[in-house]
Each structure stands twice: as C-alpha cells, then as structure tokens.
Amino acid sequence: MTRRFESTSERSIEFVRMHGTANEFLVLDALCEPVPAGFELSAIARAACDRATGLGADGLLLVEPVDGFAARM
C-alpha cells in the first residue's frame, strides 16, 4: 500500500509500508523520484516510525540509485 507522509512544511513524500518476519518498515523509493531537498530523513524516520504518534514501524529504508549497482539502501 502506497501512502504519503507530510512534513510540517506542507511538503509530502510517498512511501510503501512493508512487513516480514514480524518487522515493519517504511520504504522510500528514491530511484524514480528523489527525496525533495530540505527533507530531514532522520527527523522523518523518528516521527513516522513512532507507534504512538506516527505511522508506526521498526525503521525507514531509503532505496536510492548508485553508480555501478541497481540500488542501495
């Protein structure tokens, strides 16, 4: 399921929630659409992964392009 996370600056970023072996992760796909400038990924990870006030997850994964490989996380 694809959802959008909105920051306090009224910008948003699309993510996919995935789970397996009792772990849940929010996955940001930066292969086709890079993360917008100004997004602080560490702050987004803390806020989005918080189970009480955020979306709830064990972590945030960023999939991005890198030379010589299909992608890196």
N, C-alpha and C. Protein backbone atom coordinates (compact mmCIF):
# COMPACT_ATOMS: atom_id res chain seq x y z
N MET A 1 0.84 -1.16 0.00
CA MET A 1 0.00 0.00 0.00
C MET A 1 0.89 1.24 0.00
N THR A 2 0.66 2.13 -0.91
CA THR A 2 1.43 3.35 -1.01
C THR A 2 0.70 4.47 -0.29
N ARG A 3 1.43 5.21 0.51
CA ARG A 3 0.87 6.34 1.25
C ARG A 3 1.80 7.52 1.11
N ARG A 4 1.36 8.65 1.62
CA ARG A 4 2.19 9.85 1.60
C ARG A 4 2.40 10.33 3.03
N PHE A 5 3.61 10.76 3.32
CA PHE A 5 3.95 11.33 4.62
C PHE A 5 4.12 12.82 4.40
N GLU A 6 3.42 13.63 5.17
CA GLU A 6 3.50 15.07 5.02
C GLU A 6 4.34 15.67 6.13
N SER A 7 5.25 16.54 5.74
CA SER A 7 6.08 17.21 6.73
C SER A 7 5.37 18.47 7.22
N THR A 8 5.91 19.11 8.21
CA THR A 8 5.30 20.32 8.76
C THR A 8 5.38 21.49 7.78
N SER A 9 6.23 21.41 6.79
CA SER A 9 6.37 22.49 5.81
C SER A 9 5.42 22.30 4.62
N GLU A 10 4.40 21.45 4.81
CA GLU A 10 3.37 21.20 3.80
C GLU A 10 3.90 20.51 2.56
N ARG A 11 5.01 19.84 2.66
CA ARG A 11 5.51 19.01 1.57
C ARG A 11 5.24 17.57 1.93
N SER A 12 5.18 16.71 0.93
CA SER A 12 4.92 15.31 1.23
C SER A 12 5.86 14.42 0.42
N ILE A 13 5.95 13.18 0.86
CA ILE A 13 6.80 12.19 0.20
C ILE A 13 6.07 10.86 0.21
N GLU A 14 6.15 10.13 -0.88
CA GLU A 14 5.45 8.86 -0.99
C GLU A 14 6.29 7.73 -0.41
N PHE A 15 5.64 6.78 0.25
CA PHE A 15 6.33 5.63 0.82
C PHE A 15 5.45 4.40 0.70
N VAL A 16 6.07 3.25 0.87
CA VAL A 16 5.36 1.97 0.90
C VAL A 16 5.64 1.34 2.25
N ARG A 17 4.61 0.78 2.86
CA ARG A 17 4.79 0.09 4.14
C ARG A 17 4.93 -1.40 3.84
N MET A 18 6.01 -2.01 4.31
CA MET A 18 6.26 -3.43 4.07
C MET A 18 6.51 -4.13 5.40
N HIS A 19 6.20 -5.42 5.44
CA HIS A 19 6.45 -6.17 6.66
C HIS A 19 6.89 -7.59 6.30
N GLY A 20 7.60 -8.17 7.22
CA GLY A 20 8.06 -9.54 7.08
C GLY A 20 8.80 -9.97 8.33
N THR A 21 8.69 -11.21 8.69
CA THR A 21 9.33 -11.77 9.88
C THR A 21 9.13 -10.89 11.11
N ALA A 22 7.89 -10.43 11.29
CA ALA A 22 7.49 -9.63 12.47
C ALA A 22 8.14 -8.25 12.52
N ASN A 23 8.61 -7.74 11.41
CA ASN A 23 9.16 -6.39 11.34
C ASN A 23 8.39 -5.60 10.29
N GLU A 24 8.21 -4.30 10.56
CA GLU A 24 7.55 -3.41 9.62
C GLU A 24 8.50 -2.27 9.26
N PHE A 25 8.54 -1.94 7.98
CA PHE A 25 9.41 -0.87 7.52
C PHE A 25 8.65 0.06 6.60
N LEU A 26 8.98 1.33 6.66
CA LEU A 26 8.51 2.30 5.70
C LEU A 26 9.61 2.43 4.66
N VAL A 27 9.28 2.24 3.40
CA VAL A 27 10.28 2.24 2.33
C VAL A 27 10.04 3.44 1.42
N LEU A 28 11.06 4.26 1.28
CA LEU A 28 11.01 5.40 0.38
C LEU A 28 11.78 5.04 -0.88
N ASP A 29 11.12 5.08 -2.01
CA ASP A 29 11.74 4.72 -3.29
C ASP A 29 12.26 5.99 -3.96
N ALA A 30 13.55 6.22 -3.88
CA ALA A 30 14.16 7.39 -4.49
C ALA A 30 14.80 7.06 -5.84
N LEU A 31 14.48 5.89 -6.40
CA LEU A 31 15.03 5.53 -7.71
C LEU A 31 14.40 6.36 -8.82
N CYS A 32 13.09 6.52 -8.77
CA CYS A 32 12.38 7.27 -9.81
C CYS A 32 12.14 8.72 -9.43
N GLU A 33 11.94 8.96 -8.15
CA GLU A 33 11.66 10.31 -7.67
C GLU A 33 12.53 10.59 -6.46
N PRO A 34 13.55 11.44 -6.60
CA PRO A 34 14.44 11.70 -5.47
C PRO A 34 13.72 12.36 -4.30
N VAL A 35 14.27 12.18 -3.11
CA VAL A 35 13.72 12.82 -1.93
C VAL A 35 13.90 14.33 -2.10
N PRO A 36 12.83 15.10 -1.90
CA PRO A 36 12.93 16.56 -2.08
C PRO A 36 13.97 17.19 -1.16
N ALA A 37 14.61 18.22 -1.66
CA ALA A 37 15.60 18.96 -0.86
C ALA A 37 14.91 19.51 0.38
N GLY A 38 15.60 19.48 1.48
CA GLY A 38 15.07 20.02 2.72
C GLY A 38 14.40 19.00 3.61
N PHE A 39 14.17 17.79 3.11
CA PHE A 39 13.60 16.75 3.95
C PHE A 39 14.70 16.20 4.84
N GLU A 40 14.53 16.26 6.12
CA GLU A 40 15.49 15.71 7.07
C GLU A 40 15.07 14.28 7.36
N LEU A 41 15.73 13.32 6.71
CA LEU A 41 15.32 11.92 6.81
C LEU A 41 15.37 11.38 8.23
N SER A 42 16.34 11.80 9.02
CA SER A 42 16.40 11.29 10.40
C SER A 42 15.20 11.77 11.21
N ALA A 43 14.78 13.01 11.02
CA ALA A 43 13.61 13.53 11.73
C ALA A 43 12.34 12.84 11.22
N ILE A 44 12.25 12.61 9.92
CA ILE A 44 11.09 11.92 9.35
C ILE A 44 11.03 10.49 9.89
N ALA A 45 12.17 9.83 9.97
CA ALA A 45 12.20 8.45 10.47
C ALA A 45 11.70 8.39 11.91
N ARG A 46 12.17 9.29 12.75
CA ARG A 46 11.74 9.30 14.15
C ARG A 46 10.23 9.56 14.25
N ALA A 47 9.75 10.55 13.52
CA ALA A 47 8.33 10.91 13.61
C ALA A 47 7.43 9.84 13.00
N ALA A 48 7.79 9.35 11.84
CA ALA A 48 6.94 8.39 11.13
C ALA A 48 6.93 7.02 11.81
N CYS A 49 8.05 6.61 12.39
CA CYS A 49 8.14 5.28 12.99
C CYS A 49 7.58 5.22 14.41
N ASP A 50 7.33 6.35 15.02
CA ASP A 50 6.78 6.36 16.38
C ASP A 50 5.40 5.72 16.37
N ARG A 51 5.23 4.68 17.16
CA ARG A 51 3.97 3.93 17.15
C ARG A 51 2.84 4.67 17.88
N ALA A 52 3.18 5.61 18.74
CA ALA A 52 2.15 6.35 19.48
C ALA A 52 1.64 7.55 18.69
N THR A 53 2.52 8.26 18.01
CA THR A 53 2.12 9.50 17.34
C THR A 53 2.32 9.48 15.84
N GLY A 54 3.04 8.50 15.32
CA GLY A 54 3.31 8.44 13.88
C GLY A 54 2.59 7.28 13.22
N LEU A 55 3.19 6.78 12.16
CA LEU A 55 2.61 5.67 11.41
C LEU A 55 2.91 4.33 12.05
N GLY A 56 4.00 4.26 12.77
CA GLY A 56 4.40 3.03 13.44
C GLY A 56 5.16 2.10 12.54
N ALA A 57 6.44 1.91 12.82
CA ALA A 57 7.29 0.99 12.05
C ALA A 57 8.58 0.76 12.84
N ASP A 58 9.31 -0.28 12.42
CA ASP A 58 10.59 -0.57 13.06
C ASP A 58 11.73 0.24 12.45
N GLY A 59 11.51 0.80 11.27
CA GLY A 59 12.55 1.59 10.64
C GLY A 59 12.11 2.13 9.31
N LEU A 60 12.93 3.02 8.78
CA LEU A 60 12.69 3.63 7.48
C LEU A 60 13.83 3.24 6.56
N LEU A 61 13.51 2.74 5.38
CA LEU A 61 14.52 2.35 4.39
C LEU A 61 14.43 3.29 3.21
N LEU A 62 15.55 3.79 2.76
CA LEU A 62 15.63 4.65 1.58
C LEU A 62 16.32 3.86 0.48
N VAL A 63 15.64 3.65 -0.63
CA VAL A 63 16.21 2.96 -1.78
C VAL A 63 16.58 4.03 -2.79
N GLU A 64 17.87 4.15 -3.09
CA GLU A 64 18.32 5.22 -3.99
C GLU A 64 19.33 4.70 -5.00
N PRO A 65 19.46 5.39 -6.13
CA PRO A 65 20.39 4.94 -7.16
C PRO A 65 21.85 5.15 -6.72
N VAL A 66 22.72 4.32 -7.29
CA VAL A 66 24.15 4.45 -7.05
C VAL A 66 24.87 3.90 -8.27
N ASP A 67 25.94 4.53 -8.67
CA ASP A 67 26.68 4.11 -9.86
C ASP A 67 27.23 2.70 -9.69
N GLY A 68 27.04 1.87 -10.71
CA GLY A 68 27.60 0.54 -10.73
C GLY A 68 26.73 -0.54 -10.10
N PHE A 69 25.62 -0.15 -9.51
CA PHE A 69 24.72 -1.11 -8.86
C PHE A 69 23.28 -0.75 -9.20
N ALA A 70 22.37 -1.70 -8.96
CA ALA A 70 20.95 -1.44 -9.23
C ALA A 70 20.40 -0.39 -8.26
N ALA A 71 20.82 -0.46 -6.98
CA ALA A 71 20.35 0.47 -5.98
C ALA A 71 21.14 0.24 -4.69
N ARG A 72 20.92 1.15 -3.74
CA ARG A 72 21.47 0.92 -2.39
C ARG A 72 20.40 1.32 -1.39
N MET A 73 20.51 0.75 -0.20
CA MET A 73 19.54 1.04 0.86
C MET A 73 20.27 1.61 2.05
